[in-house]
Amino acid sequence: MQAANRLQKSLKAGNPAYGGWQMLPGTNLTRVLCRAASNMDWLLVDMEHGNISDDSMHEIVAAAAACAVSPIVRVVDGQPWMIKRALDSGAHGILVPVLETVKDAEDVVRSSKFPPMGNRGFEPLLAVEKFVEQHAHGGNVKELSGREYLEQANNSLVIAVQIETQSALEHVKEIAMVPGVDVLFVGPFDLGVSIGHPIVGGKMDATLELAIQSVQEAARAAGIKAGIYCDSGEDAREWAAKGFLMNSVVTDMIGLREMVSQSFSSTR
């Protein structure tokens, strides 16, 4: 499983893992996104704010995995049944939004792990095929068995939690220390609004920058990774240089709008 999880491999190696962000349904869109850049390591399937249903999520996860890109599902909330659905689809990891407390982080881990680490129910039929390691020149492939998935899942899935509220920021050091949390992920826009320092004109002020830095420092102290939402490759690279390793590069709706706007501007 770890060999097939491109996001986890990059993070474990201490290398930046760059991702796409899908808010619109459709596996044709998924394949276009995943095949557009050879260095796309992960694709975020956004069920929190995106127009993506449960059945669409299952199909997008399968399409991304088939393109050798790690599918990561942002669930609507940290409820156990939502986490279960995402992981049972074969997602290589989850991103859980709107954490408030250390207990919230502990509950996320509990719902994400099989016993004895957690209480996730066991049913791997849909998940196992999403962890076939891709070979450039074809050849035989071997799917995981259900037993192998059970034995490896606890250590092979990426569990990321968003630090986007004032409460989570105040407890970020303790949240980072929760066993089983792999990534602290920052949404700068949400965090800025939460702490009263919203991003204005595309720029963040010094207070927000310090808050984001505190998340990265908490992750480093706990021996885990930090990630951040970015709208461009330039921003993603800059944050990677600051120690953030799970960084988005483009969101489908933003990228499409910019591409269409740029194309039509040439006609004027």
Protein backbone atom coordinates (compact mmCIF):
# COMPACT_ATOMS: atom_id res chain seq x y z
CA MET A 1 0.00 0.00 0.00
CA GLN A 2 2.75 2.44 0.88
CA ALA A 3 4.40 1.88 -2.50
CA ALA A 4 1.19 2.88 -4.28
CA ASN A 5 0.45 5.90 -2.08
CA ARG A 6 2.29 8.62 -3.94
CA LEU A 7 1.44 11.31 -1.40
CA GLN A 8 2.70 9.30 1.53
CA LYS A 9 5.91 8.33 -0.27
CA SER A 10 6.75 11.98 -0.92
CA LEU A 11 5.96 13.04 2.63
CA LYS A 12 7.97 10.22 4.18
CA ALA A 13 10.92 11.16 1.98
CA GLY A 14 10.62 14.78 3.08
CA ASN A 15 9.85 15.95 -0.45
CA PRO A 16 7.14 18.42 -1.50
CA ALA A 17 3.96 16.70 -2.69
CA TYR A 18 2.01 18.89 -5.09
CA GLY A 19 -1.69 18.38 -5.64
CA GLY A 20 -4.73 19.32 -7.66
CA TRP A 21 -8.13 20.20 -6.23
CA GLN A 22 -11.37 18.92 -7.77
CA MET A 23 -14.69 20.54 -6.86
CA LEU A 24 -16.71 19.58 -9.94
CA PRO A 25 -18.00 16.05 -10.59
CA GLY A 26 -16.91 13.88 -13.48
CA THR A 27 -14.22 11.30 -14.07
CA ASN A 28 -13.34 12.76 -17.49
CA LEU A 29 -12.34 15.91 -15.63
CA THR A 30 -10.39 13.80 -13.13
CA ARG A 31 -8.39 12.13 -15.87
CA VAL A 32 -7.69 15.44 -17.62
CA LEU A 33 -6.41 16.94 -14.37
CA CYS A 34 -4.30 13.94 -13.37
CA ARG A 35 -2.74 13.47 -16.80
CA ALA A 36 -2.03 17.16 -17.39
CA ALA A 37 1.04 17.19 -15.12
CA SER A 38 3.42 14.33 -14.44
CA ASN A 39 4.36 15.82 -11.07
CA MET A 40 0.83 15.87 -9.66
CA ASP A 41 1.17 13.64 -6.60
CA TRP A 42 -2.35 13.87 -5.19
CA LEU A 43 -5.84 15.01 -6.10
CA LEU A 44 -8.17 16.42 -3.47
CA VAL A 45 -11.78 15.33 -3.91
CA ASP A 46 -13.69 18.16 -2.25
CA MET A 47 -16.92 16.96 -0.68
CA GLU A 48 -17.05 19.84 1.79
CA HIS A 49 -17.49 22.72 -0.62
CA GLY A 50 -17.49 20.98 -4.00
CA ASN A 51 -20.40 19.73 -6.11
CA ILE A 52 -19.49 16.11 -5.45
CA SER A 53 -21.86 13.45 -4.15
CA ASP A 54 -20.99 10.14 -2.51
CA ASP A 55 -21.25 8.14 -5.72
CA SER A 56 -19.23 10.74 -7.65
CA MET A 57 -16.57 10.59 -4.94
CA HIS A 58 -16.23 6.84 -5.39
CA GLU A 59 -15.78 7.21 -9.15
CA ILE A 60 -13.29 10.08 -8.87
CA VAL A 61 -11.20 8.16 -6.34
CA ALA A 62 -11.01 5.22 -8.75
CA ALA A 63 -10.12 7.42 -11.73
CA ALA A 64 -7.34 9.26 -9.89
CA ALA A 65 -5.84 6.05 -8.54
CA ALA A 66 -5.88 4.54 -12.04
CA CYS A 67 -3.81 7.54 -13.18
CA ALA A 68 -1.25 6.83 -10.41
CA VAL A 69 -2.28 9.98 -8.52
CA SER A 70 -3.19 9.61 -4.85
CA PRO A 71 -6.87 10.43 -4.26
CA ILE A 72 -7.43 12.37 -1.04
CA VAL A 73 -11.02 13.01 0.07
CA ARG A 74 -11.97 16.12 1.99
CA VAL A 75 -15.00 14.95 3.93
CA VAL A 76 -17.84 17.29 4.80
CA ASP A 77 -17.20 16.86 8.50
CA GLY A 78 -15.28 14.59 10.83
CA GLN A 79 -18.25 12.30 11.42
CA PRO A 80 -17.30 8.60 11.55
CA TRP A 81 -19.63 7.53 8.75
CA MET A 82 -18.19 10.18 6.42
CA ILE A 83 -14.63 9.08 7.12
CA LYS A 84 -15.66 5.45 6.67
CA ARG A 85 -17.23 6.12 3.26
CA ALA A 86 -14.15 8.00 2.05
CA LEU A 87 -11.64 5.37 3.14
CA ASP A 88 -13.76 2.45 2.02
CA SER A 89 -13.84 3.99 -1.47
CA GLY A 90 -10.09 3.41 -1.62
CA ALA A 91 -8.93 6.95 -0.89
CA HIS A 92 -5.24 7.16 -0.09
CA GLY A 93 -6.05 9.61 2.67
CA ILE A 94 -8.53 12.10 4.06
CA LEU A 95 -8.58 15.78 4.89
CA VAL A 96 -10.91 16.69 7.74
CA PRO A 97 -12.02 20.34 8.00
CA VAL A 98 -13.10 22.59 10.86
CA LEU A 99 -11.27 21.01 13.78
CA GLU A 100 -11.78 22.78 17.09
CA THR A 101 -10.22 20.61 19.80
CA VAL A 102 -7.70 17.91 20.53
CA LYS A 103 -10.62 15.53 21.05
CA ASP A 104 -11.78 16.27 17.51
CA ALA A 105 -8.38 15.11 16.23
CA GLU A 106 -8.48 12.01 18.41
CA ASP A 107 -11.95 11.17 17.10
CA VAL A 108 -10.75 11.52 13.50
CA VAL A 109 -7.91 9.09 14.13
CA ARG A 110 -10.20 6.67 15.93
CA SER A 111 -12.58 6.59 12.95
CA SER A 112 -9.71 6.22 10.48
CA LYS A 113 -7.86 3.29 12.02
CA PHE A 114 -8.66 -0.37 12.38
CA PRO A 115 -8.45 -1.92 15.89
CA PRO A 116 -6.57 -1.71 18.13
CA MET A 117 -5.71 1.87 17.09
CA GLY A 118 -9.31 2.76 16.24
CA ASN A 119 -12.75 1.39 15.55
CA ARG A 120 -13.04 1.53 11.76
CA GLY A 121 -15.21 -1.27 10.37
CA PHE A 122 -13.57 -3.73 7.97
CA GLU A 123 -14.77 -4.04 4.38
CA PRO A 124 -11.99 -3.70 1.77
CA LEU A 125 -13.71 -4.86 -1.44
CA LEU A 126 -13.79 -1.43 -3.08
CA ALA A 127 -10.56 -0.18 -1.54
CA VAL A 128 -8.01 -2.83 -2.47
CA GLU A 129 -7.91 -2.11 -6.21
CA LYS A 130 -6.94 1.53 -5.59
CA PHE A 131 -3.49 0.48 -4.34
CA VAL A 132 -2.04 -1.22 -7.40
CA GLU A 133 1.43 0.16 -7.97
CA GLN A 134 1.78 1.53 -11.49
CA HIS A 135 4.52 0.16 -13.74
CA ALA A 136 5.74 2.24 -16.65
CA HIS A 137 6.18 -0.76 -18.97
CA GLY A 138 3.14 -2.77 -17.98
CA GLY A 139 3.51 -6.34 -16.83
CA ASN A 140 1.64 -8.26 -14.20
CA VAL A 141 -0.06 -6.33 -11.45
CA LYS A 142 -1.16 -7.70 -8.12
CA GLU A 143 -4.02 -6.30 -6.13
CA LEU A 144 -3.92 -6.33 -2.38
CA SER A 145 -5.79 -9.02 -0.57
CA GLY A 146 -8.29 -8.03 2.06
CA ARG A 147 -5.93 -9.28 4.72
CA GLU A 148 -3.06 -7.20 3.36
CA TYR A 149 -5.24 -4.10 3.35
CA LEU A 150 -6.24 -4.75 6.95
CA GLU A 151 -2.63 -5.26 8.03
CA GLN A 152 -1.24 -2.22 6.19
CA ALA A 153 -3.96 0.43 6.18
CA ASN A 154 -3.23 1.92 9.60
CA ASN A 155 0.29 2.86 8.47
CA SER A 156 -0.36 3.53 4.79
CA LEU A 157 -3.15 6.12 4.69
CA VAL A 158 -2.56 9.85 5.12
CA ILE A 159 -4.68 11.45 7.84
CA ALA A 160 -4.69 15.23 7.49
CA VAL A 161 -6.59 17.72 9.61
CA GLN A 162 -7.27 21.36 8.82
CA ILE A 163 -6.15 24.10 11.16
CA GLU A 164 -8.60 26.82 10.18
CA THR A 165 -10.30 27.94 13.39
CA GLN A 166 -9.17 30.08 16.30
CA SER A 167 -9.66 27.16 18.68
CA ALA A 168 -7.60 24.75 16.58
CA LEU A 169 -4.84 27.33 16.29
CA GLU A 170 -4.77 27.78 20.06
CA HIS A 171 -4.41 24.01 20.52
CA VAL A 172 -2.26 23.32 17.45
CA LYS A 173 0.70 21.94 19.42
CA GLU A 174 -1.49 19.41 21.21
CA ILE A 175 -3.35 18.49 18.00
CA ALA A 176 -0.04 17.86 16.23
CA MET A 177 0.94 15.41 18.97
CA VAL A 178 -2.15 13.21 18.56
CA PRO A 179 -0.86 9.79 17.41
CA GLY A 180 -2.13 8.99 13.93
CA VAL A 181 -2.32 12.56 12.64
CA ASP A 182 0.07 12.84 9.68
CA VAL A 183 -0.48 16.36 8.34
CA LEU A 184 -1.61 19.72 9.66
CA PHE A 185 -3.21 21.49 6.70
CA VAL A 186 -3.81 25.23 6.55
CA GLY A 187 -6.52 27.01 4.59
CA PRO A 188 -5.18 30.58 4.71
CA PHE A 189 -8.48 32.20 3.75
CA ASP A 190 -10.49 30.37 6.41
CA LEU A 191 -7.85 30.80 9.09
CA GLY A 192 -7.53 34.49 8.28
CA VAL A 193 -11.26 35.04 8.69
CA SER A 194 -11.32 32.99 11.89
CA ILE A 195 -8.60 34.98 13.63
CA GLY A 196 -9.83 38.33 12.34
CA HIS A 197 -7.07 38.86 9.77
CA PRO A 198 -8.62 37.98 6.41
CA ILE A 199 -6.62 37.99 3.20
CA VAL A 200 -7.24 41.26 1.38
CA GLY A 201 -6.35 41.78 -2.26
CA GLY A 202 -4.65 38.41 -2.37
CA LYS A 203 -2.20 39.35 0.38
CA MET A 204 -2.00 38.25 3.99
CA ASP A 205 -0.84 40.47 6.83
CA ALA A 206 1.93 39.73 9.32
CA THR A 207 -0.44 38.34 11.96
CA LEU A 208 -1.80 35.70 9.60
CA GLU A 209 1.69 34.82 8.40
CA LEU A 210 2.75 34.26 12.02
CA ALA A 211 -0.30 32.06 12.63
CA ILE A 212 0.55 29.94 9.62
CA GLN A 213 4.15 29.72 10.75
CA SER A 214 3.00 28.46 14.16
CA VAL A 215 1.21 25.57 12.44
CA GLN A 216 4.37 24.61 10.58
CA GLU A 217 6.43 24.81 13.77
CA ALA A 218 3.92 22.63 15.65
CA ALA A 219 4.08 20.02 12.90
CA ARG A 220 7.88 20.02 12.90
CA ALA A 221 8.04 19.69 16.68
CA ALA A 222 5.69 16.69 16.55
CA GLY A 223 7.58 15.01 13.73
CA ILE A 224 4.72 15.28 11.25
CA LYS A 225 4.16 17.36 8.11
CA ALA A 226 2.41 20.62 7.28
CA GLY A 227 0.47 21.45 4.13
CA ILE A 228 -1.25 24.52 2.74
CA TYR A 229 -3.87 25.48 0.18
CA CYS A 230 -2.37 27.41 -2.74
CA ASP A 231 -3.80 28.72 -5.99
CA SER A 232 -0.64 28.58 -8.08
CA GLY A 233 2.53 26.64 -8.61
CA GLU A 234 4.58 29.66 -7.65
CA ASP A 235 2.87 29.92 -4.27
CA ALA A 236 3.11 26.16 -3.71
CA ARG A 237 6.85 26.23 -4.39
CA GLU A 238 7.39 29.21 -2.08
CA TRP A 239 5.55 27.50 0.78
CA ALA A 240 7.49 24.29 0.14
CA ALA A 241 10.69 26.26 0.67
CA LYS A 242 9.28 27.28 4.06
CA GLY A 243 8.70 23.66 5.08
CA PHE A 244 5.13 22.99 3.90
CA LEU A 245 5.13 19.72 1.96
CA MET A 246 1.49 18.93 1.05
CA ASN A 247 0.64 21.90 -1.15
CA SER A 248 -2.14 22.37 -3.66
CA VAL A 249 -1.32 23.99 -7.00
CA VAL A 250 -4.60 24.47 -8.84
CA THR A 251 -8.33 24.15 -8.22
CA ASP A 252 -10.45 23.07 -11.18
CA MET A 253 -12.93 25.96 -10.99
CA ILE A 254 -10.23 28.61 -10.62
CA GLY A 255 -8.02 27.09 -13.32
CA LEU A 256 -10.90 26.78 -15.80
CA ARG A 257 -12.04 30.35 -15.19
CA GLU A 258 -8.53 31.72 -15.67
CA MET A 259 -7.94 29.68 -18.81
CA VAL A 260 -11.23 30.72 -20.43
CA SER A 261 -10.76 34.36 -19.45
CA GLN A 262 -7.25 34.41 -20.87
CA SER A 263 -8.34 32.71 -24.11
CA PHE A 264 -11.21 35.11 -24.72
CA SER A 265 -9.14 38.17 -23.84
CA SER A 266 -7.03 37.38 -26.90
CA THR A 267 -10.06 37.98 -29.13
CA ARG A 268 -10.49 41.60 -28.08
